[in-house]
Protein backbone atom coordinates (compact mmCIF):
# COMPACT_ATOMS: atom_id res chain seq x y z
CA MET A 1 -22.47 52.89 -222.08
CA THR A 2 -22.27 54.35 -218.60
CA MET A 3 -19.76 57.00 -217.63
CA THR A 4 -17.48 55.99 -214.75
CA ASP A 5 -16.10 59.47 -213.98
CA PRO A 6 -18.54 62.30 -214.78
CA ILE A 7 -16.44 64.88 -212.90
CA GLY A 8 -13.36 63.93 -214.92
CA ASP A 9 -15.47 64.30 -218.07
CA MET A 10 -16.55 67.79 -216.98
CA LEU A 11 -12.97 68.87 -216.29
CA THR A 12 -11.81 67.49 -219.65
CA ARG A 13 -14.57 69.36 -221.48
CA VAL A 14 -13.60 72.62 -219.76
CA ARG A 15 -9.89 72.02 -220.44
CA ASN A 16 -10.49 71.25 -224.14
CA ALA A 17 -12.84 74.23 -224.59
CA ALA A 18 -10.27 76.57 -223.02
CA ARG A 19 -7.57 75.27 -225.37
CA ASN A 20 -9.87 75.83 -228.37
CA ARG A 21 -10.75 79.35 -227.14
CA SER A 22 -14.45 78.48 -227.04
CA GLU A 23 -16.76 80.95 -225.34
CA THR A 24 -19.02 78.30 -223.79
CA VAL A 25 -18.93 74.60 -223.06
CA SER A 26 -21.95 72.31 -222.56
CA MET A 27 -22.22 69.07 -220.65
CA PRO A 28 -24.84 66.89 -218.94
CA ALA A 29 -25.74 68.47 -215.60
CA SER A 30 -25.74 67.07 -212.09
CA ARG A 31 -25.85 68.70 -208.67
CA LEU A 32 -22.14 68.11 -208.09
CA LYS A 33 -21.18 69.59 -211.47
CA VAL A 34 -23.33 72.66 -210.79
CA ASP A 35 -21.66 73.07 -207.39
CA ILE A 36 -18.20 72.83 -208.99
CA ALA A 37 -19.22 75.44 -211.60
CA LYS A 38 -20.45 77.68 -208.77
CA VAL A 39 -17.06 77.46 -207.01
CA LEU A 40 -15.27 78.23 -210.31
CA LYS A 41 -17.50 81.29 -210.76
CA ASP A 42 -17.03 82.47 -207.16
CA GLU A 43 -13.24 82.17 -207.50
CA GLY A 44 -13.20 84.06 -210.83
CA TYR A 45 -12.22 81.25 -213.20
CA VAL A 46 -15.42 81.37 -215.31
CA ILE A 47 -17.81 84.20 -216.17
CA ASP A 48 -21.10 82.42 -215.53
CA PHE A 49 -22.97 79.15 -215.82
CA ALA A 50 -26.56 78.19 -216.56
CA VAL A 51 -28.62 75.03 -216.17
CA GLU A 52 -31.06 74.41 -219.00
CA GLY A 53 -33.71 71.76 -219.48
CA GLU A 54 -35.49 69.54 -217.03
CA GLY A 55 -35.28 65.93 -215.93
CA PRO A 56 -32.65 63.60 -217.38
CA LYS A 57 -31.91 65.94 -220.31
CA THR A 58 -30.61 68.78 -218.11
CA VAL A 59 -27.61 70.58 -219.62
CA LEU A 60 -24.98 72.70 -217.84
CA ASN A 61 -23.56 75.55 -219.94
CA VAL A 62 -20.39 77.20 -218.64
CA GLN A 63 -19.19 80.51 -220.07
CA LEU A 64 -15.39 80.55 -220.00
CA LYS A 65 -13.28 83.55 -219.02
CA TYR A 66 -10.16 84.88 -220.73
CA GLY A 67 -7.76 87.68 -219.85
CA PRO A 68 -7.67 91.10 -221.54
CA ASP A 69 -5.14 89.92 -224.13
CA GLY A 70 -6.89 86.57 -224.67
CA GLU A 71 -4.74 84.56 -222.24
CA ASP A 72 -6.24 81.61 -220.41
CA VAL A 73 -7.61 82.23 -216.94
CA ILE A 74 -7.73 78.45 -216.39
CA GLN A 75 -4.19 77.34 -217.18
CA SER A 76 -4.58 73.90 -215.61
CA ILE A 77 -7.57 71.98 -214.26
CA GLN A 78 -6.81 68.46 -213.06
CA ARG A 79 -8.66 65.69 -211.27
CA PHE A 80 -7.17 64.94 -207.85
CA SER A 81 -9.40 62.25 -206.36
CA LYS A 82 -10.54 59.54 -208.76
CA PRO A 83 -13.36 56.97 -208.53
CA GLY A 84 -10.82 54.17 -208.10
CA CYS A 85 -8.74 56.01 -205.52
CA ARG A 86 -10.59 58.55 -203.40
CA ARG A 87 -8.34 61.08 -201.67
CA TYR A 88 -9.58 62.64 -198.46
CA ARG A 89 -7.69 65.33 -196.59
CA GLY A 90 -8.11 66.92 -193.21
CA VAL A 91 -7.99 70.68 -192.84
CA ALA A 92 -4.29 70.59 -191.88
CA ASP A 93 -3.37 68.49 -194.94
CA LEU A 94 -5.24 70.41 -197.66
CA PRO A 95 -3.04 70.95 -200.72
CA LYS A 96 -1.80 74.47 -201.50
CA VAL A 97 -1.98 74.85 -205.27
CA LEU A 98 0.93 77.00 -206.52
CA ASN A 99 1.49 78.28 -202.97
CA GLY A 100 -2.00 79.74 -202.81
CA LEU A 101 -2.26 81.14 -206.36
CA GLY A 102 -4.57 78.30 -207.42
CA ILE A 103 -7.42 76.52 -205.68
CA ALA A 104 -8.42 73.01 -204.77
CA ILE A 105 -12.13 72.17 -204.92
CA LEU A 106 -13.37 69.98 -202.06
CA SER A 107 -16.52 68.06 -201.34
CA THR A 108 -17.15 68.41 -197.61
CA ASN A 109 -20.01 67.66 -195.26
CA LYS A 110 -20.89 71.38 -195.56
CA GLY A 111 -21.04 71.28 -199.36
CA VAL A 112 -18.64 71.81 -202.25
CA MET A 113 -16.18 74.63 -201.60
CA SER A 114 -12.69 75.90 -202.34
CA ASP A 115 -9.74 75.09 -200.10
CA ARG A 116 -9.72 78.69 -198.81
CA LYS A 117 -13.29 78.44 -197.51
CA ALA A 118 -12.59 74.98 -196.10
CA ARG A 119 -9.66 76.37 -194.11
CA GLU A 120 -11.84 79.24 -192.84
CA GLN A 121 -14.59 76.83 -191.75
CA ARG A 122 -12.04 74.29 -190.44
CA VAL A 123 -13.39 71.33 -192.45
CA GLY A 124 -11.72 68.71 -194.61
CA GLY A 125 -13.11 66.36 -197.20
CA GLU A 126 -12.54 64.76 -200.57
CA VAL A 127 -10.31 66.88 -202.83
CA LEU A 128 -12.06 66.73 -206.21
CA CYS A 129 -9.71 68.78 -208.39
CA THR A 130 -7.09 71.50 -208.53
CA VAL A 131 -7.28 74.65 -210.66
CA PHE A 132 -4.74 77.33 -211.54
């Protein structure tokens, strides 16, 4: 059976692993998923990620991050644009997640980036998900 929303599957795996207090979460890898993991690492929501394997059996392992008292760093991670309803935003209309405390992850013509970098570079694109 084919998966219709691999990005939604990735976000659900991360959300469930964070609720279970897992140290790592594994999922099938793709370039877009690796780019999303890179943005999460750059913004401080995960410790690290690694791509293992080669060819169609490539696996993405994400090491989750928790606070000093064990609190969740990722409190909410939600899909914004869906395969059935793509949501594109210009630079002026980018969502502010919790008034700037969270991030939105965008797919732009300059690559996958956070909403902060998109505002700096003055580009818009498809808003993939929001994280706080």
